[in-house]
Protein backbone atom coordinates (compact mmCIF):
# COMPACT_ATOMS: atom_id res chain seq x y z
CA UNK A 1 -91.52 -147.32 132.14
CA UNK A 2 -94.93 -148.80 131.45
CA UNK A 3 -98.25 -147.04 130.87
CA UNK A 4 -101.70 -148.54 131.36
CA UNK A 5 -103.96 -145.52 131.06
CA UNK A 6 -102.52 -143.12 128.45
CA UNK A 7 -104.49 -142.54 125.26
CA UNK A 8 -103.53 -140.71 122.07
CA UNK A 9 -106.86 -138.93 121.93
CA UNK A 10 -106.04 -136.89 118.81
CA UNK A 11 -103.18 -136.51 116.35
CA UNK A 12 -102.77 -134.16 113.39
CA UNK A 13 -100.11 -132.73 111.09
CA UNK A 14 -99.53 -129.85 108.70
CA UNK A 15 -97.44 -130.24 105.54
CA UNK A 16 -95.58 -127.12 104.49
CA UNK A 17 -96.72 -125.68 101.15
CA UNK A 18 -93.52 -125.02 99.19
CA UNK A 19 -91.84 -128.08 97.64
CA UNK A 20 -88.09 -127.75 97.01
CA UNK A 21 -86.21 -130.50 95.20
CA UNK A 22 -82.67 -131.60 95.93
CA UNK A 23 -81.79 -130.85 92.32
CA UNK A 24 -82.97 -127.26 92.77
CA UNK A 25 -80.69 -126.85 95.77
CA UNK A 26 -77.76 -128.28 93.85
CA UNK A 27 -78.27 -125.77 91.03
CA UNK A 28 -77.19 -123.11 93.52
CA UNK A 29 -74.03 -125.11 94.25
CA UNK A 30 -73.06 -125.56 90.58
CA UNK A 31 -69.81 -123.53 90.82
CA UNK A 32 -68.72 -125.45 93.93
CA UNK A 33 -69.62 -128.78 92.34
CA UNK A 34 -67.62 -127.83 89.25
CA UNK A 35 -64.59 -126.96 91.38
CA UNK A 36 -64.68 -130.40 93.03
CA UNK A 37 -65.70 -132.30 89.91
CA UNK A 38 -69.02 -133.41 91.41
CA UNK A 39 -72.11 -134.25 89.38
CA UNK A 40 -75.65 -133.07 90.09
CA UNK A 41 -77.79 -135.64 91.89
CA UNK A 42 -75.21 -136.30 94.61
CA UNK A 43 -77.46 -135.00 97.39
CA UNK A 44 -80.29 -137.40 96.56
CA UNK A 45 -77.83 -140.23 95.97
CA UNK A 46 -76.26 -139.79 99.41
CA UNK A 47 -79.47 -139.22 101.38
CA UNK A 48 -82.35 -140.63 99.34
CA UNK A 49 -84.14 -137.29 99.69
CA UNK A 50 -85.73 -136.09 96.43
CA UNK A 51 -87.47 -133.09 97.96
CA UNK A 52 -88.42 -131.32 101.14
CA UNK A 53 -90.98 -128.64 102.02
CA UNK A 54 -90.75 -125.15 103.48
CA UNK A 55 -93.35 -122.92 105.07
CA UNK A 56 -94.03 -119.51 103.55
CA UNK A 57 -91.41 -116.95 104.48
CA UNK A 58 -92.12 -115.31 107.80
CA UNK A 59 -94.12 -118.23 109.22
CA UNK A 60 -93.52 -118.50 112.95
CA UNK A 61 -93.23 -121.91 114.67
CA UNK A 62 -96.05 -120.91 117.04
CA UNK A 63 -98.35 -120.23 114.08
CA UNK A 64 -97.57 -123.48 112.27
CA UNK A 65 -97.82 -125.44 115.51
CA UNK A 66 -101.15 -123.81 116.32
CA UNK A 67 -102.49 -124.87 112.90
CA UNK A 68 -101.68 -128.49 113.66
CA UNK A 69 -103.09 -128.12 117.17
CA UNK A 70 -106.40 -126.75 115.86
CA UNK A 71 -106.72 -129.77 113.56
CA UNK A 72 -106.05 -132.12 116.47
CA UNK A 73 -108.46 -130.31 118.78
CA UNK A 74 -111.21 -130.52 116.15
CA UNK A 75 -110.99 -134.33 116.55
CA UNK A 76 -110.51 -134.30 120.32
CA UNK A 77 -112.93 -135.71 122.91
CA UNK A 78 -112.20 -132.78 125.25
CA UNK A 79 -112.82 -129.05 125.01
CA UNK A 80 -110.02 -126.47 125.07
CA UNK A 81 -110.86 -125.48 128.63
CA UNK A 82 -110.08 -129.06 129.77
CA UNK A 83 -106.47 -129.01 128.55
CA UNK A 84 -104.12 -128.63 131.51
CA UNK A 85 -100.72 -128.37 129.85
CA UNK A 86 -99.32 -127.27 126.48
CA UNK A 87 -95.77 -128.26 125.50
CA UNK A 88 -93.94 -126.84 122.48
CA UNK A 89 -91.30 -129.48 121.72
CA UNK A 90 -89.47 -128.15 118.67
CA UNK A 91 -85.96 -126.97 117.94
CA UNK A 92 -87.35 -123.92 116.12
CA UNK A 93 -88.78 -121.16 118.30
CA UNK A 94 -90.30 -117.76 117.72
CA UNK A 95 -87.89 -116.15 120.20
CA UNK A 96 -85.38 -117.17 122.83
CA UNK A 97 -87.80 -115.57 125.29
CA UNK A 98 -90.69 -115.95 125.96
CA UNK A 99 -91.36 -119.66 125.43
CA UNK A 100 -92.90 -120.43 122.06
CA UNK A 101 -95.50 -122.42 123.98
CA UNK A 102 -96.76 -119.12 125.40
CA UNK A 103 -97.42 -117.76 121.91
CA UNK A 104 -99.13 -120.97 120.80
CA UNK A 105 -101.19 -120.89 124.00
CA UNK A 106 -102.39 -117.38 123.13
CA UNK A 107 -103.07 -118.26 119.48
CA UNK A 108 -105.17 -121.26 120.54
CA UNK A 109 -107.08 -119.37 123.19
CA UNK A 110 -106.31 -121.92 125.87
CA UNK A 111 -107.56 -121.24 129.42
CA UNK A 112 -105.54 -119.56 132.15
CA UNK A 113 -105.61 -122.87 134.02
CA UNK A 114 -103.50 -124.47 131.26
CA UNK A 115 -99.76 -124.24 131.91
CA UNK A 116 -97.32 -123.95 129.01
CA UNK A 117 -93.60 -124.43 128.48
CA UNK A 118 -91.01 -125.43 125.87
CA UNK A 119 -89.20 -128.76 125.95
CA UNK A 120 -86.35 -129.08 123.48
CA UNK A 121 -83.92 -131.92 122.81
CA UNK A 122 -82.88 -131.75 119.15
CA UNK A 123 -84.94 -134.26 117.14
CA UNK A 124 -86.28 -136.02 120.23
CA UNK A 125 -88.28 -133.14 121.74
CA UNK A 126 -91.70 -134.59 120.91
CA UNK A 127 -90.72 -138.10 121.98
CA UNK A 128 -89.44 -136.75 125.30
CA UNK A 129 -92.56 -134.61 125.75
CA UNK A 130 -94.79 -137.61 125.14
CA UNK A 131 -92.97 -139.61 127.80
CA UNK A 132 -93.15 -136.73 130.30
CA UNK A 133 -96.85 -136.17 129.62
CA UNK A 134 -97.68 -139.88 129.70
CA UNK A 135 -95.98 -140.27 133.08
CA UNK A 136 -97.99 -137.36 134.51
CA UNK A 137 -101.24 -138.75 133.09
CA UNK A 138 -100.48 -142.25 134.38
CA UNK A 139 -99.99 -140.80 137.87
CA UNK A 140 -103.24 -138.81 137.43
CA UNK A 141 -101.37 -135.56 138.00
CA UNK A 142 -102.77 -134.42 134.65
CA UNK A 143 -105.73 -135.47 132.54
CA UNK A 144 -105.12 -133.82 129.14
CA UNK A 145 -101.83 -132.60 127.64
CA UNK A 146 -101.39 -131.01 124.22
CA UNK A 147 -97.96 -131.44 122.57
CA UNK A 148 -97.11 -129.32 119.54
CA UNK A 149 -94.04 -128.86 117.40
CA UNK A 150 -93.21 -126.98 114.22
CA UNK A 151 -89.88 -126.95 112.44
CA UNK A 152 -88.92 -124.76 109.48
CA UNK A 153 -85.62 -125.66 107.83
CA UNK A 154 -85.64 -122.81 105.31
CA UNK A 155 -83.24 -120.57 107.25
CA UNK A 156 -80.70 -123.34 107.84
CA UNK A 157 -80.80 -124.53 104.23
CA UNK A 158 -80.52 -121.03 102.76
CA UNK A 159 -77.71 -119.98 105.12
CA UNK A 160 -75.83 -123.16 104.22
CA UNK A 161 -76.28 -122.60 100.49
CA UNK A 162 -75.17 -118.98 100.78
CA UNK A 163 -72.08 -119.88 102.76
CA UNK A 164 -71.07 -122.73 100.45
CA UNK A 165 -71.64 -120.55 97.40
CA UNK A 166 -69.79 -117.46 98.61
CA UNK A 167 -66.81 -118.76 100.54
CA UNK A 168 -63.72 -119.59 98.47
CA UNK A 169 -62.04 -121.51 101.28
CA UNK A 170 -64.61 -124.35 101.41
CA UNK A 171 -62.93 -127.74 101.10
CA UNK A 172 -64.39 -131.21 100.56
CA UNK A 173 -64.54 -131.95 104.27
CA UNK A 174 -66.52 -128.79 104.99
CA UNK A 175 -68.89 -129.54 102.13
CA UNK A 176 -69.41 -133.02 103.49
CA UNK A 177 -70.16 -131.84 107.04
CA UNK A 178 -72.62 -129.25 105.68
CA UNK A 179 -74.55 -131.75 103.55
CA UNK A 180 -76.78 -132.86 106.42
CA UNK A 181 -78.10 -129.30 106.69
CA UNK A 182 -79.45 -129.55 103.13
CA UNK A 183 -81.69 -132.48 104.14
CA UNK A 184 -83.77 -130.41 106.54
CA UNK A 185 -87.44 -129.71 105.78
CA UNK A 186 -90.47 -128.14 107.43
CA UNK A 187 -93.71 -129.32 108.97
CA UNK A 188 -95.85 -129.27 112.09
CA UNK A 189 -97.60 -131.84 114.24
CA UNK A 190 -99.78 -131.89 117.34
CA UNK A 191 -100.80 -134.68 119.68
CA UNK A 192 -103.34 -134.69 122.50
CA UNK A 193 -102.66 -137.20 125.26
CA UNK A 194 -105.39 -137.93 127.79
CA UNK A 195 -106.27 -140.43 130.46
CA UNK A 196 -107.71 -143.52 128.82
CA UNK A 197 -111.06 -142.93 130.52
CA UNK A 198 -111.46 -139.81 128.37
CA UNK A 199 -110.82 -141.64 125.08
CA UNK A 200 -111.38 -145.36 125.75
CA UNK A 201 -111.22 -146.40 122.07
CA UNK A 202 -108.14 -144.36 121.13
CA UNK A 203 -104.64 -145.82 120.62
CA UNK A 204 -102.69 -146.34 123.84
CA UNK A 205 -99.11 -145.59 124.74
CA UNK A 206 -97.89 -148.71 126.51
CA UNK A 207 -94.31 -147.87 127.40
CA UNK A 208 -91.12 -145.92 126.83
CA UNK A 209 -87.40 -146.32 127.34
CA UNK A 210 -84.46 -143.95 126.85
CA UNK A 211 -80.70 -144.26 126.73
CA UNK A 212 -77.90 -141.73 126.19
CA UNK A 213 -74.41 -141.70 124.69
CA UNK A 214 -73.41 -138.11 125.30
CA UNK A 215 -69.74 -138.79 124.64
CA UNK A 216 -70.78 -138.29 121.00
CA UNK A 217 -72.28 -134.82 121.43
CA UNK A 218 -69.60 -133.30 119.20
CA UNK A 219 -70.82 -135.15 116.10
CA UNK A 220 -73.53 -132.59 115.39
CA UNK A 221 -73.48 -128.99 116.58
CA UNK A 222 -75.86 -126.30 115.39
CA UNK A 223 -76.01 -122.63 116.39
CA UNK A 224 -76.66 -119.14 115.10
CA UNK A 225 -73.59 -117.91 113.24
CA UNK A 226 -73.18 -114.15 113.64
CA UNK A 227 -70.82 -113.89 110.69
CA UNK A 228 -73.20 -115.73 108.37
CA UNK A 229 -76.28 -114.05 109.84
CA UNK A 230 -78.19 -117.30 110.21
CA UNK A 231 -78.12 -120.83 111.61
CA UNK A 232 -75.22 -123.13 110.76
CA UNK A 233 -74.86 -126.84 111.53
CA UNK A 234 -71.72 -128.96 111.39
CA UNK A 235 -72.45 -132.69 111.17
CA UNK A 236 -70.26 -135.76 110.84
CA UNK A 237 -73.01 -137.84 109.24
CA UNK A 238 -71.04 -141.08 108.90
CA UNK A 239 -69.84 -141.10 112.50
CA UNK A 240 -73.32 -140.08 113.67
CA UNK A 241 -74.84 -143.03 111.80
CA UNK A 242 -72.42 -145.49 113.41
CA UNK A 243 -72.73 -144.08 116.95
CA UNK A 244 -76.50 -143.66 116.67
CA UNK A 245 -77.06 -147.22 115.57
CA UNK A 246 -74.78 -148.51 118.30
CA UNK A 247 -76.88 -146.59 120.83
CA UNK A 248 -80.10 -147.95 119.29
CA UNK A 249 -78.70 -151.48 119.54
CA UNK A 250 -78.14 -150.97 123.28
CA UNK A 251 -81.59 -149.44 123.77
CA UNK A 252 -83.78 -151.87 121.81
CA UNK A 253 -83.41 -155.10 123.89
CA UNK A 254 -84.33 -153.44 127.24
CA UNK A 255 -87.15 -151.61 125.42
CA UNK A 256 -88.58 -154.95 124.29
CA UNK A 257 -88.16 -156.37 127.79
CA UNK A 258 -89.88 -153.36 129.35
CA UNK A 259 -92.93 -153.76 127.11
CA UNK A 260 -92.92 -157.56 127.00
CA UNK A 261 -92.66 -157.44 123.20
CA UNK A 262 -90.51 -159.34 120.73
CA UNK A 263 -89.20 -158.24 117.34
CA UNK A 264 -91.71 -160.55 115.70
CA UNK A 265 -94.67 -159.17 117.66
CA UNK A 266 -94.11 -155.63 116.34
CA UNK A 267 -96.53 -154.96 113.48
CA UNK A 268 -95.31 -151.54 112.30
CA UNK A 269 -92.28 -149.33 112.87
CA UNK A 270 -92.15 -145.54 112.58
CA UNK A 271 -88.78 -143.88 112.95
CA UNK A 272 -87.33 -140.41 113.10
CA UNK A 273 -86.52 -139.86 109.43
CA UNK A 274 -82.95 -138.72 108.73
CA UNK A 275 -82.04 -140.37 105.45
CA UNK A 276 -82.53 -143.60 103.55
CA UNK A 277 -79.15 -145.04 104.54
CA UNK A 278 -79.73 -144.23 108.22
CA UNK A 279 -83.13 -145.91 108.14
CA UNK A 280 -81.83 -149.04 106.44
CA UNK A 281 -78.90 -149.26 108.84
CA UNK A 282 -81.24 -148.93 111.82
CA UNK A 283 -83.49 -151.75 110.60
CA UNK A 284 -80.51 -153.99 109.91
CA UNK A 285 -78.92 -153.21 113.27
CA UNK A 286 -82.12 -154.00 115.18
CA UNK A 287 -82.90 -157.01 112.95
CA UNK A 288 -86.30 -155.60 112.01
CA UNK A 289 -88.28 -156.39 108.88
CA UNK A 290 -88.02 -153.39 106.53
CA UNK A 291 -91.52 -154.10 105.17
CA UNK A 292 -92.88 -152.88 108.53
CA UNK A 293 -91.41 -149.43 107.94
CA UNK A 294 -93.35 -146.30 106.97
CA UNK A 295 -90.85 -144.05 105.15
CA UNK A 296 -91.46 -140.35 104.52
CA UNK A 297 -87.96 -138.91 104.27
CA UNK A 298 -87.73 -139.19 100.48
CA UNK A 299 -90.37 -136.49 99.97
CA UNK A 300 -90.35 -134.61 103.28
CA UNK A 301 -86.70 -134.61 104.29
CA UNK A 302 -85.58 -134.51 107.90
CA UNK A 303 -88.14 -132.41 109.84
CA UNK A 304 -86.39 -132.59 113.19
CA UNK A 305 -88.70 -133.20 116.13
CA UNK A 306 -91.75 -133.17 113.81
CA UNK A 307 -90.53 -136.09 111.72
CA UNK A 308 -91.69 -138.91 114.00
CA UNK A 309 -95.16 -137.58 114.95
CA UNK A 310 -95.88 -136.37 111.40
CA UNK A 311 -94.90 -139.77 109.96
CA UNK A 312 -97.10 -141.49 112.55
CA UNK A 313 -100.00 -139.19 111.70
CA UNK A 314 -99.62 -139.94 107.97
CA UNK A 315 -99.40 -143.68 108.63
CA UNK A 316 -102.61 -143.67 110.68
CA UNK A 317 -104.39 -141.38 108.22
CA UNK A 318 -103.46 -143.54 105.22
CA UNK A 319 -104.47 -146.79 106.90
CA UNK A 320 -100.91 -148.14 106.86
CA UNK A 321 -101.34 -148.67 110.61
CA UNK A 322 -104.49 -150.56 111.51
CA UNK A 323 -106.47 -151.07 114.70
CA UNK A 324 -105.02 -153.53 117.18
CA UNK A 325 -101.41 -153.29 115.97
CA UNK A 326 -98.25 -152.91 117.99
CA UNK A 327 -96.25 -149.94 116.74
CA UNK A 328 -92.65 -149.19 117.71
CA UNK A 329 -91.73 -145.49 117.59
CA UNK A 330 -87.96 -145.17 117.38
CA UNK A 331 -86.04 -141.92 117.69
CA UNK A 332 -82.35 -141.01 117.81
CA UNK A 333 -81.26 -137.41 118.22
CA UNK A 334 -77.93 -135.60 118.22
CA UNK A 335 -76.47 -135.41 121.62
CA UNK A 336 -76.63 -138.52 121.43
CA UNK A 337 -80.00 -139.50 122.84
CA UNK A 338 -82.34 -142.38 122.02
CA UNK A 339 -86.03 -142.65 122.94
CA UNK A 340 -88.22 -145.63 122.03
CA UNK A 341 -91.96 -145.77 122.63
CA UNK A 342 -94.59 -148.45 122.19
CA UNK A 343 -98.08 -147.74 120.87
CA UNK A 344 -101.05 -150.11 120.69
CA UNK A 345 -103.64 -148.94 118.20
């Protein structure tokens, strides 16, 4: 689909405060590493991730998301009472019920005329929310939509470490499928989309395209484990890389056709950050110039649905993305789902 009148009126992010290195995580796995004859540094070697960040213990997704939203609203060309919809698009939620968007709505003091709901789709929640909001704005059903997300990987990482450290029946395969859980970090991002008439000089969303390959849904499953007392995720990272890149290869040509772009006309690329090998494989698969990339995964880890908008926010803030550039936003999420969006700054 194409968009002519959708502006990114404001964008902001929050970096979590606590920095945790991959080496520090591996110190807690020393007995398991010794049993398998593994050397420290394997986690960074396999993923490229030196460190990730966590929010302070007890931080709720609604609170972290609201912090990012307040930063975005401070830069916005509209007042709070003009926002018509709030979407919380993260995997992490305060509760199963009510919607985390309701708590963020209350924290932000948004008007009663502003609807709110959660939209979740693994790592693609924000990308999906942007497409939904942009379509509504393009049709003039809505004029201003606030999208927020906050992910905190602390619980998943600590549950994984505890399970790997305490269970005597862990084998190499189980260690391998749990490794992806140790890449997860924390962060928050918020984006205000408006009709272009509200923010005529702001970057514009110009199009979006999605494809699915749900026959691969079994490659990554995450849920709350009652026995472990926390979240647990089982991931076949190698198979996920292969299937995800195959899906991206099928999605990219029609995405270019939809927007009327070519590979060469793309100035910058921002991707959902999973790991260094995944990013390199994606660029090679799509025949994109790696120098156009804006990597963050080495120091922030995989932040789920926040990864793509937070990386975009950092790229704009640092000047890595300049005015007048075509930016491809590429996301692949477990399921498998792929969403690609075009931005003109």
